[in-house]
Amino acid sequence: FMAGQVQMRTLFIDAGAAPVSLDGCCVLAVSPLLRELILRAVQLE
């Protein structure tokens, strides 16, 4: 569900490449570096 104007920049990760520590839904604090990497990954698509 969206609240406000949402600019979704989402990643879909192969199950075999997913970090083993993340075995359930959880909220994660996005670092400034990761934010820039996500935006760059979108461009590279």
ModelCIF file with pLDDT and N, C-alpha, C, O atoms, coordinates in Angstrom:
data_MODEL
#
_entry.id   MODEL 
#
_entity.id                         1 
_entity.type                       polymer 
_entity.pdbx_number_of_molecules   1 
#
_entity_poly.entity_id                      1 
_entity_poly.type                           'polypeptide(L)' 
_entity_poly.nstd_linkage                   no 
_entity_poly.nstd_monomer                   no 
_entity_poly.pdbx_seq_one_letter_code       FMAGQVQMRTLFIDAGAAPVSLDGCCVLAVSPLLRELILRAVQLE 
_entity_poly.pdbx_seq_one_letter_code_can   FMAGQVQMRTLFIDAGAAPVSLDGCCVLAVSPLLRELILRAVQLE 
_entity_poly.pdbx_strand_id                 A 
#
loop_
_entity_poly_seq.entity_id 
_entity_poly_seq.num 
_entity_poly_seq.mon_id 
_entity_poly_seq.hetero 
1 1  PHE n 
1 2  MET n 
1 3  ALA n 
1 4  GLY n 
1 5  GLN n 
1 6  VAL n 
1 7  GLN n 
1 8  MET n 
1 9  ARG n 
1 10 THR n 
1 11 LEU n 
1 12 PHE n 
1 13 ILE n 
1 14 ASP n 
1 15 ALA n 
1 16 GLY n 
1 17 ALA n 
1 18 ALA n 
1 19 PRO n 
1 20 VAL n 
1 21 SER n 
1 22 LEU n 
1 23 ASP n 
1 24 GLY n 
1 25 CYS n 
1 26 CYS n 
1 27 VAL n 
1 28 LEU n 
1 29 ALA n 
1 30 VAL n 
1 31 SER n 
1 32 PRO n 
1 33 LEU n 
1 34 LEU n 
1 35 ARG n 
1 36 GLU n 
1 37 LEU n 
1 38 ILE n 
1 39 LEU n 
1 40 ARG n 
1 41 ALA n 
1 42 VAL n 
1 43 GLN n 
1 44 LEU n 
1 45 GLU n 
#
_struct_asym.id          A 
_struct_asym.entity_id   1 
#
loop_
_ma_qa_metric.id 
_ma_qa_metric.mode 
_ma_qa_metric.name 
_ma_qa_metric.software_group_id 
_ma_qa_metric.type 
1 global pLDDT . pLDDT 
2 local  pLDDT . pLDDT 
#
_ma_qa_metric_global.metric_id      1 
_ma_qa_metric_global.metric_value   89.04 
_ma_qa_metric_global.model_id       1 
_ma_qa_metric_global.ordinal_id     1 
#
loop_
_ma_qa_metric_local.label_asym_id 
_ma_qa_metric_local.label_comp_id 
_ma_qa_metric_local.label_seq_id 
_ma_qa_metric_local.metric_id 
_ma_qa_metric_local.metric_value 
_ma_qa_metric_local.model_id 
_ma_qa_metric_local.ordinal_id 
A PHE 1  2 94.00 1 1  
A MET 2  2 92.00 1 2  
A ALA 3  2 86.00 1 3  
A GLY 4  2 85.00 1 4  
A GLN 5  2 88.00 1 5  
A VAL 6  2 92.00 1 6  
A GLN 7  2 91.00 1 7  
A MET 8  2 93.00 1 8  
A ARG 9  2 91.00 1 9  
A THR 10 2 92.00 1 10 
A LEU 11 2 94.00 1 11 
A PHE 12 2 94.00 1 12 
A ILE 13 2 93.00 1 13 
A ASP 14 2 90.00 1 14 
A ALA 15 2 88.00 1 15 
A GLY 16 2 88.00 1 16 
A ALA 17 2 87.00 1 17 
A ALA 18 2 86.00 1 18 
A PRO 19 2 85.00 1 19 
A VAL 20 2 83.00 1 20 
A SER 21 2 83.00 1 21 
A LEU 22 2 88.00 1 22 
A ASP 23 2 85.00 1 23 
A GLY 24 2 88.00 1 24 
A CYS 25 2 91.00 1 25 
A CYS 26 2 91.00 1 26 
A VAL 27 2 91.00 1 27 
A LEU 28 2 92.00 1 28 
A ALA 29 2 87.00 1 29 
A VAL 30 2 89.00 1 30 
A SER 31 2 87.00 1 31 
A PRO 32 2 87.00 1 32 
A LEU 33 2 90.00 1 33 
A LEU 34 2 92.00 1 34 
A ARG 35 2 90.00 1 35 
A GLU 36 2 91.00 1 36 
A LEU 37 2 92.00 1 37 
A ILE 38 2 92.00 1 38 
A LEU 39 2 90.00 1 39 
A ARG 40 2 90.00 1 40 
A ALA 41 2 89.00 1 41 
A VAL 42 2 88.00 1 42 
A GLN 43 2 87.00 1 43 
A LEU 44 2 85.00 1 44 
A GLU 45 2 80.00 1 45 
#
loop_
_atom_site.group_PDB 
_atom_site.id 
_atom_site.type_symbol 
_atom_site.label_atom_id 
_atom_site.label_alt_id 
_atom_site.label_comp_id 
_atom_site.label_asym_id 
_atom_site.label_entity_id 
_atom_site.label_seq_id 
_atom_site.pdbx_PDB_ins_code 
_atom_site.Cartn_x 
_atom_site.Cartn_y 
_atom_site.Cartn_z 
_atom_site.occupancy 
_atom_site.B_iso_or_equiv 
_atom_site.pdbx_formal_charge 
_atom_site.auth_seq_id 
_atom_site.auth_comp_id 
_atom_site.auth_asym_id 
_atom_site.auth_atom_id 
_atom_site.pdbx_PDB_model_num 
ATOM 1   N N  . PHE A 1 1  ? 0.850  -1.184  0.000   1.00 94.00 ? 1  PHE A N  1 
ATOM 2   C CA . PHE A 1 1  ? 0.000  0.000   0.000   1.00 94.00 ? 1  PHE A CA 1 
ATOM 3   C C  . PHE A 1 1  ? 0.889  1.239   0.000   1.00 94.00 ? 1  PHE A C  1 
ATOM 4   O O  . PHE A 1 1  ? 1.850  1.312   0.766   1.00 94.00 ? 1  PHE A O  1 
ATOM 5   N N  . MET A 1 2  ? 0.573  2.219   -0.860  1.00 92.00 ? 2  MET A N  1 
ATOM 6   C CA . MET A 1 2  ? 1.389  3.418   -1.009  1.00 92.00 ? 2  MET A CA 1 
ATOM 7   C C  . MET A 1 2  ? 0.784  4.594   -0.250  1.00 92.00 ? 2  MET A C  1 
ATOM 8   O O  . MET A 1 2  ? -0.432 4.785   -0.249  1.00 92.00 ? 2  MET A O  1 
ATOM 9   N N  . ALA A 1 3  ? 1.649  5.382   0.399   1.00 86.00 ? 3  ALA A N  1 
ATOM 10  C CA . ALA A 1 3  ? 1.235  6.610   1.069   1.00 86.00 ? 3  ALA A CA 1 
ATOM 11  C C  . ALA A 1 3  ? 2.072  7.752   0.506   1.00 86.00 ? 3  ALA A C  1 
ATOM 12  O O  . ALA A 1 3  ? 3.292  7.766   0.667   1.00 86.00 ? 3  ALA A O  1 
ATOM 13  N N  . GLY A 1 4  ? 1.429  8.700   -0.147  1.00 85.00 ? 4  GLY A N  1 
ATOM 14  C CA . GLY A 1 4  ? 2.147  9.764   -0.832  1.00 85.00 ? 4  GLY A CA 1 
ATOM 15  C C  . GLY A 1 4  ? 2.582  9.313   -2.216  1.00 85.00 ? 4  GLY A C  1 
ATOM 16  O O  . GLY A 1 4  ? 2.319  8.183   -2.627  1.00 85.00 ? 4  GLY A O  1 
ATOM 17  N N  . GLN A 1 5  ? 3.252  10.211  -2.929  1.00 88.00 ? 5  GLN A N  1 
ATOM 18  C CA . GLN A 1 5  ? 3.806  9.869   -4.233  1.00 88.00 ? 5  GLN A CA 1 
ATOM 19  C C  . GLN A 1 5  ? 5.025  8.974   -4.022  1.00 88.00 ? 5  GLN A C  1 
ATOM 20  O O  . GLN A 1 5  ? 6.004  9.391   -3.403  1.00 88.00 ? 5  GLN A O  1 
ATOM 21  N N  . VAL A 1 6  ? 4.967  7.764   -4.528  1.00 92.00 ? 6  VAL A N  1 
ATOM 22  C CA . VAL A 1 6  ? 6.021  6.775   -4.267  1.00 92.00 ? 6  VAL A CA 1 
ATOM 23  C C  . VAL A 1 6  ? 6.855  6.545   -5.519  1.00 92.00 ? 6  VAL A C  1 
ATOM 24  O O  . VAL A 1 6  ? 6.329  6.253   -6.593  1.00 92.00 ? 6  VAL A O  1 
ATOM 25  N N  . GLN A 1 7  ? 8.163  6.682   -5.357  1.00 91.00 ? 7  GLN A N  1 
ATOM 26  C CA . GLN A 1 7  ? 9.115  6.323   -6.412  1.00 91.00 ? 7  GLN A CA 1 
ATOM 27  C C  . GLN A 1 7  ? 9.817  5.043   -5.963  1.00 91.00 ? 7  GLN A C  1 
ATOM 28  O O  . GLN A 1 7  ? 10.834 5.081   -5.271  1.00 91.00 ? 7  GLN A O  1 
ATOM 29  N N  . MET A 1 8  ? 9.252  3.919   -6.374  1.00 93.00 ? 8  MET A N  1 
ATOM 30  C CA . MET A 1 8  ? 9.793  2.629   -5.960  1.00 93.00 ? 8  MET A CA 1 
ATOM 31  C C  . MET A 1 8  ? 11.015 2.286   -6.807  1.00 93.00 ? 8  MET A C  1 
ATOM 32  O O  . MET A 1 8  ? 10.968 2.349   -8.036  1.00 93.00 ? 8  MET A O  1 
ATOM 33  N N  . ARG A 1 9  ? 12.098 1.926   -6.144  1.00 91.00 ? 9  ARG A N  1 
ATOM 34  C CA . ARG A 1 9  ? 13.320 1.467   -6.810  1.00 91.00 ? 9  ARG A CA 1 
ATOM 35  C C  . ARG A 1 9  ? 13.674 0.146   -6.132  1.00 91.00 ? 9  ARG A C  1 
ATOM 36  O O  . ARG A 1 9  ? 14.358 0.137   -5.109  1.00 91.00 ? 9  ARG A O  1 
ATOM 37  N N  . THR A 1 10 ? 13.218 -0.948  -6.687  1.00 92.00 ? 10 THR A N  1 
ATOM 38  C CA . THR A 1 10 ? 13.251 -2.222  -5.992  1.00 92.00 ? 10 THR A CA 1 
ATOM 39  C C  . THR A 1 10 ? 14.161 -3.216  -6.693  1.00 92.00 ? 10 THR A C  1 
ATOM 40  O O  . THR A 1 10 ? 14.360 -3.142  -7.905  1.00 92.00 ? 10 THR A O  1 
ATOM 41  N N  . LEU A 1 11 ? 14.710 -4.143  -5.925  1.00 94.00 ? 11 LEU A N  1 
ATOM 42  C CA . LEU A 1 11 ? 15.618 -5.157  -6.443  1.00 94.00 ? 11 LEU A CA 1 
ATOM 43  C C  . LEU A 1 11 ? 14.977 -6.533  -6.303  1.00 94.00 ? 11 LEU A C  1 
ATOM 44  O O  . LEU A 1 11 ? 14.364 -6.844  -5.282  1.00 94.00 ? 11 LEU A O  1 
ATOM 45  N N  . PHE A 1 12 ? 15.127 -7.349  -7.338  1.00 94.00 ? 12 PHE A N  1 
ATOM 46  C CA . PHE A 1 12 ? 14.713 -8.745  -7.293  1.00 94.00 ? 12 PHE A CA 1 
ATOM 47  C C  . PHE A 1 12 ? 15.975 -9.591  -7.388  1.00 94.00 ? 12 PHE A C  1 
ATOM 48  O O  . PHE A 1 12 ? 16.728 -9.498  -8.357  1.00 94.00 ? 12 PHE A O  1 
ATOM 49  N N  . ILE A 1 13 ? 16.196 -10.417 -6.372  1.00 93.00 ? 13 ILE A N  1 
ATOM 50  C CA . ILE A 1 13 ? 17.477 -11.104 -6.205  1.00 93.00 ? 13 ILE A CA 1 
ATOM 51  C C  . ILE A 1 13 ? 17.273 -12.605 -6.304  1.00 93.00 ? 13 ILE A C  1 
ATOM 52  O O  . ILE A 1 13 ? 16.399 -13.171 -5.648  1.00 93.00 ? 13 ILE A O  1 
ATOM 53  N N  . ASP A 1 14 ? 18.090 -13.238 -7.128  1.00 90.00 ? 14 ASP A N  1 
ATOM 54  C CA . ASP A 1 14 ? 18.027 -14.689 -7.289  1.00 90.00 ? 14 ASP A CA 1 
ATOM 55  C C  . ASP A 1 14 ? 18.127 -15.365 -5.920  1.00 90.00 ? 14 ASP A C  1 
ATOM 56  O O  . ASP A 1 14 ? 18.954 -14.991 -5.089  1.00 90.00 ? 14 ASP A O  1 
ATOM 57  N N  . ALA A 1 15 ? 17.271 -16.365 -5.702  1.00 88.00 ? 15 ALA A N  1 
ATOM 58  C CA . ALA A 1 15 ? 17.216 -17.017 -4.389  1.00 88.00 ? 15 ALA A CA 1 
ATOM 59  C C  . ALA A 1 15 ? 18.581 -17.561 -3.961  1.00 88.00 ? 15 ALA A C  1 
ATOM 60  O O  . ALA A 1 15 ? 18.908 -17.541 -2.774  1.00 88.00 ? 15 ALA A O  1 
ATOM 61  N N  . GLY A 1 16 ? 19.369 -18.041 -4.904  1.00 88.00 ? 16 GLY A N  1 
ATOM 62  C CA . GLY A 1 16 ? 20.676 -18.586 -4.576  1.00 88.00 ? 16 GLY A CA 1 
ATOM 63  C C  . GLY A 1 16 ? 21.703 -17.541 -4.197  1.00 88.00 ? 16 GLY A C  1 
ATOM 64  O O  . GLY A 1 16 ? 22.740 -17.867 -3.619  1.00 88.00 ? 16 GLY A O  1 
ATOM 65  N N  . ALA A 1 17 ? 21.423 -16.267 -4.521  1.00 87.00 ? 17 ALA A N  1 
ATOM 66  C CA . ALA A 1 17 ? 22.362 -15.185 -4.207  1.00 87.00 ? 17 ALA A CA 1 
ATOM 67  C C  . ALA A 1 17 ? 21.950 -14.401 -2.970  1.00 87.00 ? 17 ALA A C  1 
ATOM 68  O O  . ALA A 1 17 ? 22.679 -13.507 -2.540  1.00 87.00 ? 17 ALA A O  1 
ATOM 69  N N  . ALA A 1 18 ? 20.794 -14.717 -2.389  1.00 86.00 ? 18 ALA A N  1 
ATOM 70  C CA . ALA A 1 18 ? 20.300 -13.962 -1.240  1.00 86.00 ? 18 ALA A CA 1 
ATOM 71  C C  . ALA A 1 18 ? 21.175 -14.206 -0.008  1.00 86.00 ? 18 ALA A C  1 
ATOM 72  O O  . ALA A 1 18 ? 21.608 -15.336 0.218   1.00 86.00 ? 18 ALA A O  1 
ATOM 73  N N  . PRO A 1 19 ? 21.442 -13.171 0.792   1.00 85.00 ? 19 PRO A N  1 
ATOM 74  C CA . PRO A 1 19 ? 22.210 -13.352 2.029   1.00 85.00 ? 19 PRO A CA 1 
ATOM 75  C C  . PRO A 1 19 ? 21.538 -14.372 2.945   1.00 85.00 ? 19 PRO A C  1 
ATOM 76  O O  . PRO A 1 19 ? 20.332 -14.297 3.178   1.00 85.00 ? 19 PRO A O  1 
ATOM 77  N N  . VAL A 1 20 ? 22.304 -15.313 3.460   1.00 83.00 ? 20 VAL A N  1 
ATOM 78  C CA . VAL A 1 20 ? 21.726 -16.390 4.272   1.00 83.00 ? 20 VAL A CA 1 
ATOM 79  C C  . VAL A 1 20 ? 21.155 -15.862 5.585   1.00 83.00 ? 20 VAL A C  1 
ATOM 80  O O  . VAL A 1 20 ? 20.306 -16.515 6.192   1.00 83.00 ? 20 VAL A O  1 
ATOM 81  N N  . SER A 1 21 ? 21.608 -14.693 6.033   1.00 83.00 ? 21 SER A N  1 
ATOM 82  C CA . SER A 1 21 ? 21.132 -14.146 7.304   1.00 83.00 ? 21 SER A CA 1 
ATOM 83  C C  . SER A 1 21 ? 19.719 -13.597 7.211   1.00 83.00 ? 21 SER A C  1 
ATOM 84  O O  . SER A 1 21 ? 19.082 -13.359 8.237   1.00 83.00 ? 21 SER A O  1 
ATOM 85  N N  . LEU A 1 22 ? 19.216 -13.392 5.995   1.00 88.00 ? 22 LEU A N  1 
ATOM 86  C CA . LEU A 1 22 ? 17.893 -12.798 5.804   1.00 88.00 ? 22 LEU A CA 1 
ATOM 87  C C  . LEU A 1 22 ? 16.905 -13.898 5.426   1.00 88.00 ? 22 LEU A C  1 
ATOM 88  O O  . LEU A 1 22 ? 16.680 -14.165 4.245   1.00 88.00 ? 22 LEU A O  1 
ATOM 89  N N  . ASP A 1 23 ? 16.321 -14.529 6.435   1.00 85.00 ? 23 ASP A N  1 
ATOM 90  C CA . ASP A 1 23 ? 15.421 -15.656 6.185   1.00 85.00 ? 23 ASP A CA 1 
ATOM 91  C C  . ASP A 1 23 ? 13.960 -15.311 6.432   1.00 85.00 ? 23 ASP A C  1 
ATOM 92  O O  . ASP A 1 23 ? 13.098 -16.187 6.360   1.00 85.00 ? 23 ASP A O  1 
ATOM 93  N N  . GLY A 1 24 ? 13.673 -14.052 6.722   1.00 88.00 ? 24 GLY A N  1 
ATOM 94  C CA . GLY A 1 24 ? 12.291 -13.617 6.926   1.00 88.00 ? 24 GLY A CA 1 
ATOM 95  C C  . GLY A 1 24 ? 12.145 -12.153 6.553   1.00 88.00 ? 24 GLY A C  1 
ATOM 96  O O  . GLY A 1 24 ? 13.140 -11.453 6.368   1.00 88.00 ? 24 GLY A O  1 
ATOM 97  N N  . CYS A 1 25 ? 10.903 -11.688 6.440   1.00 91.00 ? 25 CYS A N  1 
ATOM 98  C CA . CYS A 1 25 ? 10.687 -10.273 6.137   1.00 91.00 ? 25 CYS A CA 1 
ATOM 99  C C  . CYS A 1 25 ? 11.237 -9.409  7.270   1.00 91.00 ? 25 CYS A C  1 
ATOM 100 O O  . CYS A 1 25 ? 11.070 -9.738  8.444   1.00 91.00 ? 25 CYS A O  1 
ATOM 101 N N  . CYS A 1 26 ? 11.888 -8.313  6.918   1.00 91.00 ? 26 CYS A N  1 
ATOM 102 C CA . CYS A 1 26 ? 12.417 -7.391  7.924   1.00 91.00 ? 26 CYS A CA 1 
ATOM 103 C C  . CYS A 1 26 ? 12.690 -6.042  7.279   1.00 91.00 ? 26 CYS A C  1 
ATOM 104 O O  . CYS A 1 26 ? 12.951 -5.956  6.079   1.00 91.00 ? 26 CYS A O  1 
ATOM 105 N N  . VAL A 1 27 ? 12.628 -4.992  8.086   1.00 91.00 ? 27 VAL A N  1 
ATOM 106 C CA . VAL A 1 27 ? 12.952 -3.647  7.618   1.00 91.00 ? 27 VAL A CA 1 
ATOM 107 C C  . VAL A 1 27 ? 14.428 -3.383  7.867   1.00 91.00 ? 27 VAL A C  1 
ATOM 108 O O  . VAL A 1 27 ? 14.946 -3.663  8.948   1.00 91.00 ? 27 VAL A O  1 
ATOM 109 N N  . LEU A 1 28 ? 15.102 -2.840  6.856   1.00 92.00 ? 28 LEU A N  1 
ATOM 110 C CA . LEU A 1 28 ? 16.536 -2.599  6.916   1.00 92.00 ? 28 LEU A CA 1 
ATOM 111 C C  . LEU A 1 28 ? 16.837 -1.123  6.641   1.00 92.00 ? 28 LEU A C  1 
ATOM 112 O O  . LEU A 1 28 ? 16.214 -0.500  5.781   1.00 92.00 ? 28 LEU A O  1 
ATOM 113 N N  . ALA A 1 29 ? 17.794 -0.581  7.381   1.00 87.00 ? 29 ALA A N  1 
ATOM 114 C CA . ALA A 1 29 ? 18.214 0.809   7.182   1.00 87.00 ? 29 ALA A CA 1 
ATOM 115 C C  . ALA A 1 29 ? 19.148 0.884   5.972   1.00 87.00 ? 29 ALA A C  1 
ATOM 116 O O  . ALA A 1 29 ? 20.210 0.261   5.959   1.00 87.00 ? 29 ALA A O  1 
ATOM 117 N N  . VAL A 1 30 ? 18.750 1.639   4.975   1.00 89.00 ? 30 VAL A N  1 
ATOM 118 C CA . VAL A 1 30 ? 19.518 1.724   3.727   1.00 89.00 ? 30 VAL A CA 1 
ATOM 119 C C  . VAL A 1 30 ? 20.658 2.726   3.904   1.00 89.00 ? 30 VAL A C  1 
ATOM 120 O O  . VAL A 1 30 ? 20.428 3.891   4.226   1.00 89.00 ? 30 VAL A O  1 
ATOM 121 N N  . SER A 1 31 ? 21.872 2.266   3.692   1.00 87.00 ? 31 SER A N  1 
ATOM 122 C CA . SER A 1 31 ? 23.037 3.144   3.802   1.00 87.00 ? 31 SER A CA 1 
ATOM 123 C C  . SER A 1 31 ? 23.108 4.075   2.595   1.00 87.00 ? 31 SER A C  1 
ATOM 124 O O  . SER A 1 31 ? 22.568 3.748   1.538   1.00 87.00 ? 31 SER A O  1 
ATOM 125 N N  . PRO A 1 32 ? 23.769 5.235   2.732   1.00 87.00 ? 32 PRO A N  1 
ATOM 126 C CA . PRO A 1 32 ? 23.921 6.130   1.575   1.00 87.00 ? 32 PRO A CA 1 
ATOM 127 C C  . PRO A 1 32 ? 24.583 5.446   0.379   1.00 87.00 ? 32 PRO A C  1 
ATOM 128 O O  . PRO A 1 32 ? 24.208 5.692   -0.768  1.00 87.00 ? 32 PRO A O  1 
ATOM 129 N N  . LEU A 1 33 ? 25.569 4.584   0.652   1.00 90.00 ? 33 LEU A N  1 
ATOM 130 C CA . LEU A 1 33 ? 26.226 3.876   -0.449  1.00 90.00 ? 33 LEU A CA 1 
ATOM 131 C C  . LEU A 1 33 ? 25.250 2.956   -1.163  1.00 90.00 ? 33 LEU A C  1 
ATOM 132 O O  . LEU A 1 33 ? 25.215 2.926   -2.393  1.00 90.00 ? 33 LEU A O  1 
ATOM 133 N N  . LEU A 1 34 ? 24.452 2.200   -0.402  1.00 92.00 ? 34 LEU A N  1 
ATOM 134 C CA . LEU A 1 34 ? 23.507 1.282   -1.031  1.00 92.00 ? 34 LEU A CA 1 
ATOM 135 C C  . LEU A 1 34 ? 22.458 2.047   -1.825  1.00 92.00 ? 34 LEU A C  1 
ATOM 136 O O  . LEU A 1 34 ? 22.072 1.626   -2.916  1.00 92.00 ? 34 LEU A O  1 
ATOM 137 N N  . ARG A 1 35 ? 21.999 3.157   -1.288  1.00 90.00 ? 35 ARG A N  1 
ATOM 138 C CA . ARG A 1 35 ? 21.039 3.976   -2.028  1.00 90.00 ? 35 ARG A CA 1 
ATOM 139 C C  . ARG A 1 35 ? 21.562 4.341   -3.405  1.00 90.00 ? 35 ARG A C  1 
ATOM 140 O O  . ARG A 1 35 ? 20.848 4.217   -4.400  1.00 90.00 ? 35 ARG A O  1 
ATOM 141 N N  . GLU A 1 36 ? 22.818 4.795   -3.462  1.00 91.00 ? 36 GLU A N  1 
ATOM 142 C CA . GLU A 1 36 ? 23.404 5.172   -4.750  1.00 91.00 ? 36 GLU A CA 1 
ATOM 143 C C  . GLU A 1 36 ? 23.596 3.953   -5.650  1.00 91.00 ? 36 GLU A C  1 
ATOM 144 O O  . GLU A 1 36 ? 23.434 4.045   -6.867  1.00 91.00 ? 36 GLU A O  1 
ATOM 145 N N  . LEU A 1 37 ? 23.940 2.818   -5.055  1.00 92.00 ? 37 LEU A N  1 
ATOM 146 C CA . LEU A 1 37 ? 24.114 1.597   -5.847  1.00 92.00 ? 37 LEU A CA 1 
ATOM 147 C C  . LEU A 1 37 ? 22.785 1.133   -6.445  1.00 92.00 ? 37 LEU A C  1 
ATOM 148 O O  . LEU A 1 37 ? 22.742 0.658   -7.580  1.00 92.00 ? 37 LEU A O  1 
ATOM 149 N N  . ILE A 1 38 ? 21.699 1.273   -5.676  1.00 92.00 ? 38 ILE A N  1 
ATOM 150 C CA . ILE A 1 38 ? 20.385 0.895   -6.197  1.00 92.00 ? 38 ILE A CA 1 
ATOM 151 C C  . ILE A 1 38 ? 20.016 1.768   -7.388  1.00 92.00 ? 38 ILE A C  1 
ATOM 152 O O  . ILE A 1 38 ? 19.563 1.266   -8.417  1.00 92.00 ? 38 ILE A O  1 
ATOM 153 N N  . LEU A 1 39 ? 20.209 3.074   -7.246  1.00 90.00 ? 39 LEU A N  1 
ATOM 154 C CA . LEU A 1 39 ? 19.881 3.981   -8.352  1.00 90.00 ? 39 LEU A CA 1 
ATOM 155 C C  . LEU A 1 39 ? 20.753 3.692   -9.571  1.00 90.00 ? 39 LEU A C  1 
ATOM 156 O O  . LEU A 1 39 ? 20.288 3.779   -10.707 1.00 90.00 ? 39 LEU A O  1 
ATOM 157 N N  . ARG A 1 40 ? 22.007 3.352   -9.332  1.00 90.00 ? 40 ARG A N  1 
ATOM 158 C CA . ARG A 1 40 ? 22.909 3.014   -10.446 1.00 90.00 ? 40 ARG A CA 1 
ATOM 159 C C  . ARG A 1 40 ? 22.490 1.695   -11.102 1.00 90.00 ? 40 ARG A C  1 
ATOM 160 O O  . ARG A 1 40 ? 22.556 1.558   -12.324 1.00 90.00 ? 40 ARG A O  1 
ATOM 161 N N  . ALA A 1 41 ? 22.058 0.728   -10.287 1.00 89.00 ? 41 ALA A N  1 
ATOM 162 C CA . ALA A 1 41 ? 21.608 -0.553  -10.836 1.00 89.00 ? 41 ALA A CA 1 
ATOM 163 C C  . ALA A 1 41 ? 20.399 -0.356  -11.738 1.00 89.00 ? 41 ALA A C  1 
ATOM 164 O O  . ALA A 1 41 ? 20.276 -1.025  -12.764 1.00 89.00 ? 41 ALA A O  1 
ATOM 165 N N  . VAL A 1 42 ? 19.499 0.563   -11.363 1.00 88.00 ? 42 VAL A N  1 
ATOM 166 C CA . VAL A 1 42 ? 18.345 0.867   -12.206 1.00 88.00 ? 42 VAL A CA 1 
ATOM 167 C C  . VAL A 1 42 ? 18.801 1.429   -13.553 1.00 88.00 ? 42 VAL A C  1 
ATOM 168 O O  . VAL A 1 42 ? 18.292 1.032   -14.601 1.00 88.00 ? 42 VAL A O  1 
ATOM 169 N N  . GLN A 1 43 ? 19.756 2.350   -13.518 1.00 87.00 ? 43 GLN A N  1 
ATOM 170 C CA . GLN A 1 43 ? 20.274 2.927   -14.761 1.00 87.00 ? 43 GLN A CA 1 
ATOM 171 C C  . GLN A 1 43 ? 20.902 1.865   -15.654 1.00 87.00 ? 43 GLN A C  1 
ATOM 172 O O  . GLN A 1 43 ? 20.709 1.875   -16.870 1.00 87.00 ? 43 GLN A O  1 
ATOM 173 N N  . LEU A 1 44 ? 21.652 0.954   -15.049 1.00 85.00 ? 44 LEU A N  1 
ATOM 174 C CA . LEU A 1 44 ? 22.387 -0.050  -15.828 1.00 85.00 ? 44 LEU A CA 1 
ATOM 175 C C  . LEU A 1 44 ? 21.466 -1.077  -16.483 1.00 85.00 ? 44 LEU A C  1 
ATOM 176 O O  . LEU A 1 44 ? 21.873 -1.758  -17.425 1.00 85.00 ? 44 LEU A O  1 
ATOM 177 N N  . GLU A 1 45 ? 20.225 -1.196  -15.994 1.00 80.00 ? 45 GLU A N  1 
ATOM 178 C CA . GLU A 1 45 ? 19.281 -2.114  -16.622 1.00 80.00 ? 45 GLU A CA 1 
ATOM 179 C C  . GLU A 1 45 ? 19.030 -1.731  -18.083 1.00 80.00 ? 45 GLU A C  1 
ATOM 180 O O  . GLU A 1 45 ? 18.258 -2.398  -18.772 1.00 80.00 ? 45 GLU A O  1 
#
